[in-house]
Amino acid sequence: MIKQSKTKATPRIAIIGKLKALLGRIKARKAGLDVSSIYLLVNERGLKLSRPDLRLHFQKAKESAGEGPPRPRRAPSQLLAV
């Protein structure tokens, strides 16, 4: 449950457009799984996706899109020398 920090009010989010389409695709995919799950993002076995799993999926998608592997981050001292 999401609550606003100051007023503790629960915000309402309109589910329309691209968000509605995305949630529909997720629901259709999950309907094909034998295991039901309360989690929005699940793997092929119906188990929730962990952060490392999700990162790996994005990594593979970026590589197949032609962006290649991520570049190593530079140390803060190297950022000033640019």
Protein backbone atom coordinates (compact mmCIF):
# COMPACT_ATOMS: atom_id res chain seq x y z
CA MET A 1 0.00 0.00 0.00
CA ILE A 2 1.34 3.43 -0.91
CA LYS A 3 0.60 6.33 1.41
CA GLN A 4 1.54 9.97 1.18
CA SER A 5 4.16 10.70 3.84
CA LYS A 6 2.76 13.95 5.24
CA THR A 7 -1.02 13.40 5.14
CA LYS A 8 -1.00 9.56 5.13
CA ALA A 9 -3.57 9.75 2.33
CA THR A 10 -3.77 6.91 -0.17
CA PRO A 11 -3.25 8.35 -3.68
CA ARG A 12 -5.50 7.25 -6.52
CA ILE A 13 -3.87 6.34 -9.79
CA ALA A 14 -5.89 6.24 -13.01
CA ILE A 15 -5.15 3.08 -14.94
CA ILE A 16 -5.52 4.24 -18.54
CA GLY A 17 -3.57 4.23 -21.78
CA LYS A 18 -0.18 2.50 -21.86
CA LEU A 19 -0.35 1.53 -18.18
CA LYS A 20 -3.67 -0.25 -18.77
CA ALA A 21 -2.23 -2.06 -21.80
CA LEU A 22 0.88 -3.11 -19.85
CA LEU A 23 -1.14 -4.42 -16.91
CA GLY A 24 -3.37 -6.31 -19.36
CA ARG A 25 -0.33 -8.00 -20.93
CA ILE A 26 1.03 -8.93 -17.48
CA LYS A 27 -2.35 -10.32 -16.42
CA ALA A 28 -2.62 -12.41 -19.61
CA ARG A 29 0.89 -13.80 -19.13
CA LYS A 30 0.24 -14.66 -15.49
CA ALA A 31 -3.04 -16.38 -16.43
CA GLY A 32 -0.99 -18.91 -18.40
CA LEU A 33 1.06 -19.88 -15.35
CA ASP A 34 0.04 -22.76 -13.10
CA VAL A 35 1.06 -20.90 -9.93
CA SER A 36 -0.86 -17.86 -8.76
CA SER A 37 1.16 -15.05 -7.22
CA ILE A 38 0.40 -11.72 -5.58
CA TYR A 39 3.51 -10.25 -7.22
CA LEU A 40 3.21 -8.22 -10.40
CA LEU A 41 6.47 -9.40 -11.96
CA VAL A 42 7.04 -13.15 -11.89
CA ASN A 43 9.33 -15.62 -13.62
CA GLU A 44 8.31 -18.63 -15.70
CA ARG A 45 7.62 -20.68 -12.55
CA GLY A 46 5.32 -18.03 -11.04
CA LEU A 47 7.84 -16.88 -8.43
CA LYS A 48 8.50 -13.18 -7.87
CA LEU A 49 11.36 -11.59 -9.78
CA SER A 50 14.21 -10.49 -7.54
CA ARG A 51 16.14 -7.30 -8.23
CA PRO A 52 19.13 -9.19 -9.70
CA ASP A 53 16.77 -11.19 -11.95
CA LEU A 54 15.06 -8.02 -13.14
CA ARG A 55 18.42 -6.36 -13.80
CA LEU A 56 19.54 -9.39 -15.81
CA HIS A 57 16.38 -9.22 -17.95
CA PHE A 58 16.99 -5.52 -18.67
CA GLN A 59 20.67 -6.24 -19.41
CA LYS A 60 19.73 -8.88 -21.98
CA ALA A 61 17.11 -6.59 -23.54
CA LYS A 62 19.62 -3.74 -23.86
CA GLU A 63 22.20 -6.02 -25.44
CA SER A 64 19.69 -7.37 -27.96
CA ALA A 65 18.66 -3.77 -28.75
CA GLY A 66 22.26 -3.05 -29.70
CA GLU A 67 23.29 -0.96 -26.71
CA GLY A 68 25.89 -3.51 -25.60
CA PRO A 69 27.09 -4.18 -22.08
CA PRO A 70 27.11 -1.32 -19.57
CA ARG A 71 30.20 0.81 -19.40
CA PRO A 72 32.12 0.67 -16.12
CA ARG A 73 31.52 3.62 -13.86
CA ARG A 74 34.36 6.06 -13.41
CA ALA A 75 35.72 6.95 -10.01
CA PRO A 76 34.70 10.41 -8.68
CA SER A 77 38.29 11.61 -9.01
CA GLN A 78 38.24 10.74 -12.73
CA LEU A 79 35.03 12.72 -13.25
CA LEU A 80 36.77 15.96 -12.26
CA ALA A 81 39.68 15.31 -14.64
CA VAL A 82 37.49 15.29 -17.76
